[in-house]
Structures are given as C-alpha cells and as structure tokens.
Amino acid sequence: MTIQYQIEYHTHNVYEYMVSEAFYEFIVVPGADTTQAVTDLHFRNNLQVEAFHHTNPFGFKITSLRAVKPFKEFEFWLKATVEKIQPAFPQSGQLSVAEELAILADYTF
C-alpha cells in the first residue's frame, strides 16, 4: 500500500535596494529511496531564470538559480508529489503494550 503526499515550498525575499546579481541554492528536493518515490516535481520563480540541479559533496540534491538582471524581489516555488511505501508490520517480534510502556519509562531509553 502506498500513501501519496503533496509537498509545497515557497520562499519570498524582498530587498530594500536593487540586487544586481544573485545565486540561490535550495536543498528542498524530496529524497527517493526504497521507501518513497518522487512522482512529480515542479519548480517556478518570479525572475523566470532556469534552475539547474546538481548533487553536493554530501549527496544532497541541490536546486540552484543564478539571476543576472537587477531585481528587488525574489520568489521561488516547489511542488512535489511523493509516494511513500507503507512498510508491512512484522508478524512476529511485536511487544505488548505493557512491554512498550516499560521500555519508554526506563530512564536509559
């Protein structure tokens, strides 16, 4: 069974003085692995500059934008659909409620 999530991100920067050039980096792309898949991904910005994507040295996906025309306001939107795979509950090895409460109440937990 899968569960579908809609993720939206928005940032809005307003500057007092005109900005002549800027470089933005966002670490907002949802990850994909054996437990989830990104099924839809859209980016938009008010400056209408193209976003480029790369991976940083730590393995995170980065979305970058470079603006070279003067501006005083910048907005960026991301919309993503993520399908999360619900793991099957183990059929054996489950604790009783009393055992769980005892573990949670233990000062070494």
C-alpha atoms as a PDB file:
ATOM      1  CA  MET A   1       0.000   0.000   0.000  1.00  0.00           C
ATOM      2  CA  THR A   2       1.285   3.494  -0.830  1.00  0.00           C
ATOM      3  CA  ILE A   3       0.406   6.870   0.631  1.00  0.00           C
ATOM      4  CA  GLN A   4       0.654   9.969  -1.547  1.00  0.00           C
ATOM      5  CA  TYR A   5       1.907  13.289  -0.149  1.00  0.00           C
ATOM      6  CA  GLN A   6       1.750  16.721  -1.781  1.00  0.00           C
ATOM      7  CA  ILE A   7       4.684  18.911  -0.764  1.00  0.00           C
ATOM      8  CA  GLU A   8       4.788  22.656  -1.402  1.00  0.00           C
ATOM      9  CA  TYR A   9       7.637  25.025  -0.626  1.00  0.00           C
ATOM     10  CA  HIS A  10       7.643  28.784  -1.128  1.00  0.00           C
ATOM     11  CA  THR A  11      10.159  31.489  -0.293  1.00  0.00           C
ATOM     12  CA  HIS A  12       9.725  35.209  -0.827  1.00  0.00           C
ATOM     13  CA  ASN A  13      12.608  37.678  -0.404  1.00  0.00           C
ATOM     14  CA  VAL A  14      12.158  41.450  -0.631  1.00  0.00           C
ATOM     15  CA  TYR A  15      15.244  43.660  -0.714  1.00  0.00           C
ATOM     16  CA  GLU A  16      15.451  47.312   0.265  1.00  0.00           C
ATOM     17  CA  TYR A  17      17.891  48.079  -2.551  1.00  0.00           C
ATOM     18  CA  MET A  18      18.159  46.783  -6.085  1.00  0.00           C
ATOM     19  CA  VAL A  19      20.092  43.493  -6.372  1.00  0.00           C
ATOM     20  CA  SER A  20      22.266  43.355  -9.494  1.00  0.00           C
ATOM     21  CA  GLU A  21      23.233  39.659  -9.376  1.00  0.00           C
ATOM     22  CA  ALA A  22      22.412  36.713  -7.125  1.00  0.00           C
ATOM     23  CA  PHE A  23      22.973  32.994  -6.735  1.00  0.00           C
ATOM     24  CA  TYR A  24      20.453  30.906  -4.790  1.00  0.00           C
ATOM     25  CA  GLU A  25      20.751  27.295  -3.654  1.00  0.00           C
ATOM     26  CA  PHE A  26      17.878  25.252  -2.255  1.00  0.00           C
ATOM     27  CA  ILE A  27      18.058  21.846  -0.591  1.00  0.00           C
ATOM     28  CA  VAL A  28      14.321  21.194  -0.839  1.00  0.00           C
ATOM     29  CA  VAL A  29      14.017  18.298  -3.280  1.00  0.00           C
ATOM     30  CA  PRO A  30      12.424  15.288  -1.579  1.00  0.00           C
ATOM     31  CA  GLY A  31      14.633  12.223  -1.478  1.00  0.00           C
ATOM     32  CA  ALA A  32      13.872   8.972  -3.278  1.00  0.00           C
ATOM     33  CA  ASP A  33      14.873   5.595  -1.906  1.00  0.00           C
ATOM     34  CA  THR A  34      13.378   2.149  -1.257  1.00  0.00           C
ATOM     35  CA  THR A  35      10.659   3.667   0.976  1.00  0.00           C
ATOM     36  CA  GLN A  36       9.469   6.511  -1.247  1.00  0.00           C
ATOM     37  CA  ALA A  37       9.432   7.781  -4.824  1.00  0.00           C
ATOM     38  CA  VAL A  38       9.090  11.305  -6.196  1.00  0.00           C
ATOM     39  CA  THR A  39       6.403  11.007  -8.878  1.00  0.00           C
ATOM     40  CA  ASP A  40       6.007  14.694  -9.822  1.00  0.00           C
ATOM     41  CA  LEU A  41       8.293  17.705  -9.350  1.00  0.00           C
ATOM     42  CA  HIS A  42       7.866  21.329 -10.500  1.00  0.00           C
ATOM     43  CA  PHE A  43       9.922  24.481  -9.878  1.00  0.00           C
ATOM     44  CA  ARG A  44       8.978  28.078 -10.565  1.00  0.00           C
ATOM     45  CA  ASN A  45      10.450  31.513  -9.802  1.00  0.00           C
ATOM     46  CA  ASN A  46       9.312  35.059 -10.482  1.00  0.00           C
ATOM     47  CA  LEU A  47      12.563  36.005 -12.254  1.00  0.00           C
ATOM     48  CA  GLN A  48      11.949  33.275 -14.833  1.00  0.00           C
ATOM     49  CA  VAL A  49      15.550  32.074 -14.675  1.00  0.00           C
ATOM     50  CA  GLU A  50      16.271  28.425 -15.357  1.00  0.00           C
ATOM     51  CA  ALA A  51      17.016  26.227 -12.377  1.00  0.00           C
ATOM     52  CA  PHE A  52      19.852  23.744 -12.596  1.00  0.00           C
ATOM     53  CA  HIS A  53      20.246  20.679 -10.434  1.00  0.00           C
ATOM     54  CA  HIS A  54      23.334  19.024  -9.006  1.00  0.00           C
ATOM     55  CA  THR A  55      24.414  16.963  -6.013  1.00  0.00           C
ATOM     56  CA  ASN A  56      26.597  18.447  -3.285  1.00  0.00           C
ATOM     57  CA  PRO A  57      29.556  16.555  -1.740  1.00  0.00           C
ATOM     58  CA  PHE A  58      27.241  15.204   0.999  1.00  0.00           C
ATOM     59  CA  GLY A  59      24.879  13.584  -1.529  1.00  0.00           C
ATOM     60  CA  PHE A  60      22.022  16.114  -1.226  1.00  0.00           C
ATOM     61  CA  LYS A  61      20.230  17.224  -4.384  1.00  0.00           C
ATOM     62  CA  ILE A  62      20.613  20.978  -4.851  1.00  0.00           C
ATOM     63  CA  THR A  63      18.432  23.268  -6.950  1.00  0.00           C
ATOM     64  CA  SER A  64      20.357  26.400  -7.955  1.00  0.00           C
ATOM     65  CA  LEU A  65      19.374  29.597  -9.715  1.00  0.00           C
ATOM     66  CA  ARG A  66      21.535  32.453 -10.960  1.00  0.00           C
ATOM     67  CA  ALA A  67      19.933  35.837 -11.556  1.00  0.00           C
ATOM     68  CA  VAL A  68      21.909  38.395 -13.577  1.00  0.00           C
ATOM     69  CA  LYS A  69      19.243  41.070 -14.149  1.00  0.00           C
ATOM     70  CA  PRO A  70      18.513  43.686 -11.456  1.00  0.00           C
ATOM     71  CA  PHE A  71      15.607  42.909  -9.107  1.00  0.00           C
ATOM     72  CA  LYS A  72      14.219  43.868  -5.682  1.00  0.00           C
ATOM     73  CA  GLU A  73      12.046  40.831  -5.069  1.00  0.00           C
ATOM     74  CA  PHE A  74      12.593  37.103  -5.478  1.00  0.00           C
ATOM     75  CA  GLU A  75      10.103  34.239  -5.137  1.00  0.00           C
ATOM     76  CA  PHE A  76      10.646  30.506  -5.550  1.00  0.00           C
ATOM     77  CA  TRP A  77       8.062  27.722  -5.501  1.00  0.00           C
ATOM     78  CA  LEU A  78       8.455  23.954  -5.461  1.00  0.00           C
ATOM     79  CA  LYS A  79       5.615  21.457  -5.775  1.00  0.00           C
ATOM     80  CA  ALA A  80       6.246  17.737  -5.459  1.00  0.00           C
ATOM     81  CA  THR A  81       4.254  14.547  -5.199  1.00  0.00           C
ATOM     82  CA  VAL A  82       5.828  11.774  -3.158  1.00  0.00           C
ATOM     83  CA  GLU A  83       4.530   8.228  -2.892  1.00  0.00           C
ATOM     84  CA  LYS A  84       5.518   6.661   0.398  1.00  0.00           C
ATOM     85  CA  ILE A  85       5.513   2.874   0.570  1.00  0.00           C
ATOM     86  CA  GLN A  86       3.948   1.778   3.818  1.00  0.00           C
ATOM     87  CA  PRO A  87       6.085  -0.975   5.322  1.00  0.00           C
ATOM     88  CA  ALA A  88       4.404  -4.202   6.290  1.00  0.00           C
ATOM     89  CA  PHE A  89       4.177  -4.713  10.019  1.00  0.00           C
ATOM     90  CA  PRO A  90       6.253  -7.634  11.250  1.00  0.00           C
ATOM     91  CA  GLN A  91       4.187 -10.704  12.066  1.00  0.00           C
ATOM     92  CA  SER A  92       6.428 -11.703  14.945  1.00  0.00           C
ATOM     93  CA  GLY A  93       8.540  -9.913  17.476  1.00  0.00           C
ATOM     94  CA  GLN A  94       5.947  -7.316  18.452  1.00  0.00           C
ATOM     95  CA  LEU A  95       5.885  -6.187  22.063  1.00  0.00           C
ATOM     96  CA  SER A  96       2.823  -5.987  24.233  1.00  0.00           C
ATOM     97  CA  VAL A  97       1.608  -2.543  25.306  1.00  0.00           C
ATOM     98  CA  ALA A  98       2.918  -3.161  28.831  1.00  0.00           C
ATOM     99  CA  GLU A  99       6.377  -4.060  27.455  1.00  0.00           C
ATOM    100  CA  GLU A 100       6.441  -0.927  25.270  1.00  0.00           C
ATOM    101  CA  LEU A 101       5.445   1.296  28.191  1.00  0.00           C
ATOM    102  CA  ALA A 102       8.125  -0.268  30.377  1.00  0.00           C
ATOM    103  CA  ILE A 103      10.799   0.491  27.757  1.00  0.00           C
ATOM    104  CA  LEU A 104       9.592   4.074  27.300  1.00  0.00           C
ATOM    105  CA  ALA A 105       9.511   4.649  31.073  1.00  0.00           C
ATOM    106  CA  ASP A 106      13.027   3.274  31.552  1.00  0.00           C
ATOM    107  CA  TYR A 107      15.472   6.106  32.360  1.00  0.00           C
ATOM    108  CA  THR A 108      18.067   4.612  29.962  1.00  0.00           C
ATOM    109  CA  PHE A 109      15.738   4.916  26.952  1.00  0.00           C
END
